[in-house]
C-alpha atoms as a PDB file:
ATOM      1  CA  MET A   1    -126.483  -3.669  27.129  1.00  0.00           C
ATOM      2  CA  ARG A   2    -123.785  -4.066  29.717  1.00  0.00           C
ATOM      3  CA  TYR A   3    -120.147  -4.486  28.796  1.00  0.00           C
ATOM      4  CA  GLU A   4    -116.796  -3.097  29.733  1.00  0.00           C
ATOM      5  CA  GLN A   5    -115.719  -0.056  27.804  1.00  0.00           C
ATOM      6  CA  MET A   6    -112.064   0.761  27.219  1.00  0.00           C
ATOM      7  CA  ARG A   7    -111.126   4.306  28.200  1.00  0.00           C
ATOM      8  CA  PRO A   8    -109.004   5.694  25.323  1.00  0.00           C
ATOM      9  CA  GLY A   9    -105.325   6.051  26.119  1.00  0.00           C
ATOM     10  CA  THR A  10    -105.481   4.638  29.636  1.00  0.00           C
ATOM     11  CA  GLY A  11    -105.702   0.892  29.124  1.00  0.00           C
ATOM     12  CA  GLN A  12    -108.366   0.748  31.833  1.00  0.00           C
ATOM     13  CA  ASN A  13    -111.664  -1.068  31.525  1.00  0.00           C
ATOM     14  CA  ILE A  14    -114.585   0.890  32.894  1.00  0.00           C
ATOM     15  CA  PRO A  15    -117.762  -1.092  33.571  1.00  0.00           C
ATOM     16  CA  GLY A  16    -121.008   0.652  32.768  1.00  0.00           C
ATOM     17  CA  ASP A  17    -124.358   0.518  31.090  1.00  0.00           C
ATOM     18  CA  ILE A  18    -123.989   1.534  27.463  1.00  0.00           C
ATOM     19  CA  GLU A  19    -127.140   2.067  25.480  1.00  0.00           C
ATOM     20  CA  GLU A  20    -127.155   0.797  21.945  1.00  0.00           C
ATOM     21  CA  GLN A  21    -126.735   3.591  19.426  1.00  0.00           C
ATOM     22  CA  PRO A  22    -129.728   4.449  17.213  1.00  0.00           C
ATOM     23  CA  LYS A  23    -129.477   2.820  13.790  1.00  0.00           C
ATOM     24  CA  THR A  24    -132.317   4.485  11.864  1.00  0.00           C
ATOM     25  CA  LEU A  25    -133.579   8.028  11.507  1.00  0.00           C
ATOM     26  CA  ARG A  26    -136.752   6.982  13.362  1.00  0.00           C
ATOM     27  CA  ASP A  27    -134.589   5.704  16.261  1.00  0.00           C
ATOM     28  CA  ILE A  28    -132.724   9.015  16.288  1.00  0.00           C
ATOM     29  CA  ALA A  29    -136.033  10.928  16.327  1.00  0.00           C
ATOM     30  CA  ALA A  30    -137.323   8.820  19.227  1.00  0.00           C
ATOM     31  CA  PHE A  31    -134.094   9.297  21.204  1.00  0.00           C
ATOM     32  CA  HIS A  32    -134.220  13.034  20.451  1.00  0.00           C
ATOM     33  CA  ILE A  33    -137.767  13.314  21.809  1.00  0.00           C
ATOM     34  CA  GLU A  34    -136.763  11.399  24.952  1.00  0.00           C
ATOM     35  CA  GLN A  35    -133.899  13.844  25.548  1.00  0.00           C
ATOM     36  CA  ILE A  36    -136.175  16.867  25.192  1.00  0.00           C
ATOM     37  CA  LYS A  37    -138.874  15.378  27.443  1.00  0.00           C
ATOM     38  CA  ALA A  38    -136.231  14.596  30.082  1.00  0.00           C
ATOM     39  CA  GLY A  39    -135.415  18.300  30.256  1.00  0.00           C
ATOM     40  CA  GLY A  40    -132.446  18.287  27.923  1.00  0.00           C
ATOM     41  CA  ASP A  41    -131.382  21.378  26.044  1.00  0.00           C
ATOM     42  CA  ALA A  42    -132.836  21.347  22.508  1.00  0.00           C
ATOM     43  CA  LYS A  43    -129.652  22.684  20.914  1.00  0.00           C
ATOM     44  CA  VAL A  44    -127.539  19.964  22.530  1.00  0.00           C
ATOM     45  CA  ALA A  45    -130.128  17.346  21.526  1.00  0.00           C
ATOM     46  CA  ARG A  46    -129.880  18.496  17.891  1.00  0.00           C
ATOM     47  CA  ILE A  47    -126.084  18.270  17.987  1.00  0.00           C
ATOM     48  CA  ILE A  48    -126.334  14.760  19.423  1.00  0.00           C
ATOM     49  CA  ALA A  49    -128.791  13.814  16.649  1.00  0.00           C
ATOM     50  CA  PHE A  50    -126.325  15.149  14.051  1.00  0.00           C
ATOM     51  CA  VAL A  51    -123.517  13.023  15.507  1.00  0.00           C
ATOM     52  CA  GLN A  52    -125.787   9.970  15.779  1.00  0.00           C
ATOM     53  CA  CYS A  53    -126.564  10.314  12.065  1.00  0.00           C
ATOM     54  CA  LEU A  54    -122.865  10.334  11.234  1.00  0.00           C
ATOM     55  CA  GLN A  55    -122.211   7.319  13.474  1.00  0.00           C
ATOM     56  CA  ALA A  56    -125.082   5.388  11.852  1.00  0.00           C
ATOM     57  CA  ASP A  57    -123.957   6.348   8.318  1.00  0.00           C
ATOM     58  CA  ILE A  58    -127.157   8.363   7.816  1.00  0.00           C
ATOM     59  CA  ALA A  59    -127.176  11.723   6.045  1.00  0.00           C
ATOM     60  CA  PRO A  60    -127.145  14.410   8.767  1.00  0.00           C
ATOM     61  CA  PHE A  61    -129.473  17.377   9.003  1.00  0.00           C
ATOM     62  CA  ILE A  62    -129.734  20.809  10.579  1.00  0.00           C
ATOM     63  CA  ILE A  63    -133.062  22.269  11.695  1.00  0.00           C
ATOM     64  CA  HIS A  64    -133.255  25.656  10.006  1.00  0.00           C
ATOM     65  CA  ALA A  65    -134.606  28.694  11.876  1.00  0.00           C
ATOM     66  CA  GLU A  66    -137.681  29.032   9.679  1.00  0.00           C
ATOM     67  CA  ASN A  67    -138.690  25.454  10.609  1.00  0.00           C
ATOM     68  CA  LYS A  68    -138.353  25.942  14.383  1.00  0.00           C
ATOM     69  CA  GLU A  69    -142.111  26.082  15.054  1.00  0.00           C
ATOM     70  CA  GLU A  70    -142.756  23.026  12.905  1.00  0.00           C
ATOM     71  CA  TYR A  71    -139.931  21.198  14.703  1.00  0.00           C
ATOM     72  CA  GLU A  72    -141.390  22.066  18.113  1.00  0.00           C
ATOM     73  CA  GLY A  73    -144.842  20.948  16.953  1.00  0.00           C
ATOM     74  CA  ARG A  74    -143.522  17.524  15.955  1.00  0.00           C
ATOM     75  CA  LEU A  75    -141.836  16.670  19.256  1.00  0.00           C
ATOM     76  CA  ASP A  76    -144.825  14.506  20.180  1.00  0.00           C
ATOM     77  CA  SER A  77    -144.237  11.781  17.594  1.00  0.00           C
ATOM     78  CA  PRO A  78    -141.065  10.057  16.341  1.00  0.00           C
ATOM     79  CA  ALA A  79    -142.752   9.368  12.987  1.00  0.00           C
ATOM     80  CA  ARG A  80    -143.714  13.009  12.462  1.00  0.00           C
ATOM     81  CA  LEU A  81    -140.306  14.246  13.626  1.00  0.00           C
ATOM     82  CA  GLU A  82    -138.601  11.784  11.288  1.00  0.00           C
ATOM     83  CA  GLN A  83    -140.522  13.336   8.373  1.00  0.00           C
ATOM     84  CA  LEU A  84    -139.147  16.780   9.219  1.00  0.00           C
ATOM     85  CA  PHE A  85    -135.662  15.325   9.661  1.00  0.00           C
ATOM     86  CA  ARG A  86    -135.907  13.888   6.125  1.00  0.00           C
ATOM     87  CA  VAL A  87    -136.886  17.280   4.697  1.00  0.00           C
ATOM     88  CA  GLU A  88    -133.976  18.886   6.525  1.00  0.00           C
ATOM     89  CA  GLN A  89    -131.614  16.102   5.369  1.00  0.00           C
ATOM     90  CA  TRP A  90    -132.421  16.899   1.748  1.00  0.00           C
ATOM     91  CA  ARG A  91    -131.881  20.606   2.315  1.00  0.00           C
ATOM     92  CA  PHE A  92    -128.577  19.978   4.130  1.00  0.00           C
ATOM     93  CA  TYR A  93    -127.444  17.810   1.226  1.00  0.00           C
ATOM     94  CA  ARG A  94    -128.348  20.472  -1.361  1.00  0.00           C
ATOM     95  CA  GLU A  95    -126.579  23.186   0.656  1.00  0.00           C
ATOM     96  CA  THR A  96    -123.387  21.227   1.274  1.00  0.00           C
ATOM     97  CA  GLU A  97    -123.065  19.268  -1.979  1.00  0.00           C
ATOM     98  CA  PRO A  98    -120.976  21.965  -3.701  1.00  0.00           C
ATOM     99  CA  MET A  99    -118.506  21.862  -0.814  1.00  0.00           C
ATOM    100  CA  VAL A 100    -117.925  18.127  -0.885  1.00  0.00           C
ATOM    101  CA  VAL A 101    -118.591  17.007  -4.444  1.00  0.00           C
ATOM    102  CA  ASP A 102    -116.266  18.057  -7.260  1.00  0.00           C
ATOM    103  CA  GLN A 103    -118.227  19.941  -9.860  1.00  0.00           C
ATOM    104  CA  VAL A 104    -116.955  19.415 -13.392  1.00  0.00           C
END
């Protein structure tokens, strides 16, 4: 998609190719795999995936250390990686729920 993007605070339009943001967890998994295959740093790719989840109003996730080998083994398939992301989403939710939800 090509359109002009406004640079914040400058009032200048900057032309450029802007890729459409992923809208589903499967899209995020596919984009993540592309980043890794293109030689991107895995840690940065996971941070980008976290932010993409927030932008798409999808529950975020963090890949936990004990799941590193499983994560690396799933980098061949967006569908398989999405499954792991869902498991990690649920764990992230359980771990952070007490911090964000009032417990009565």
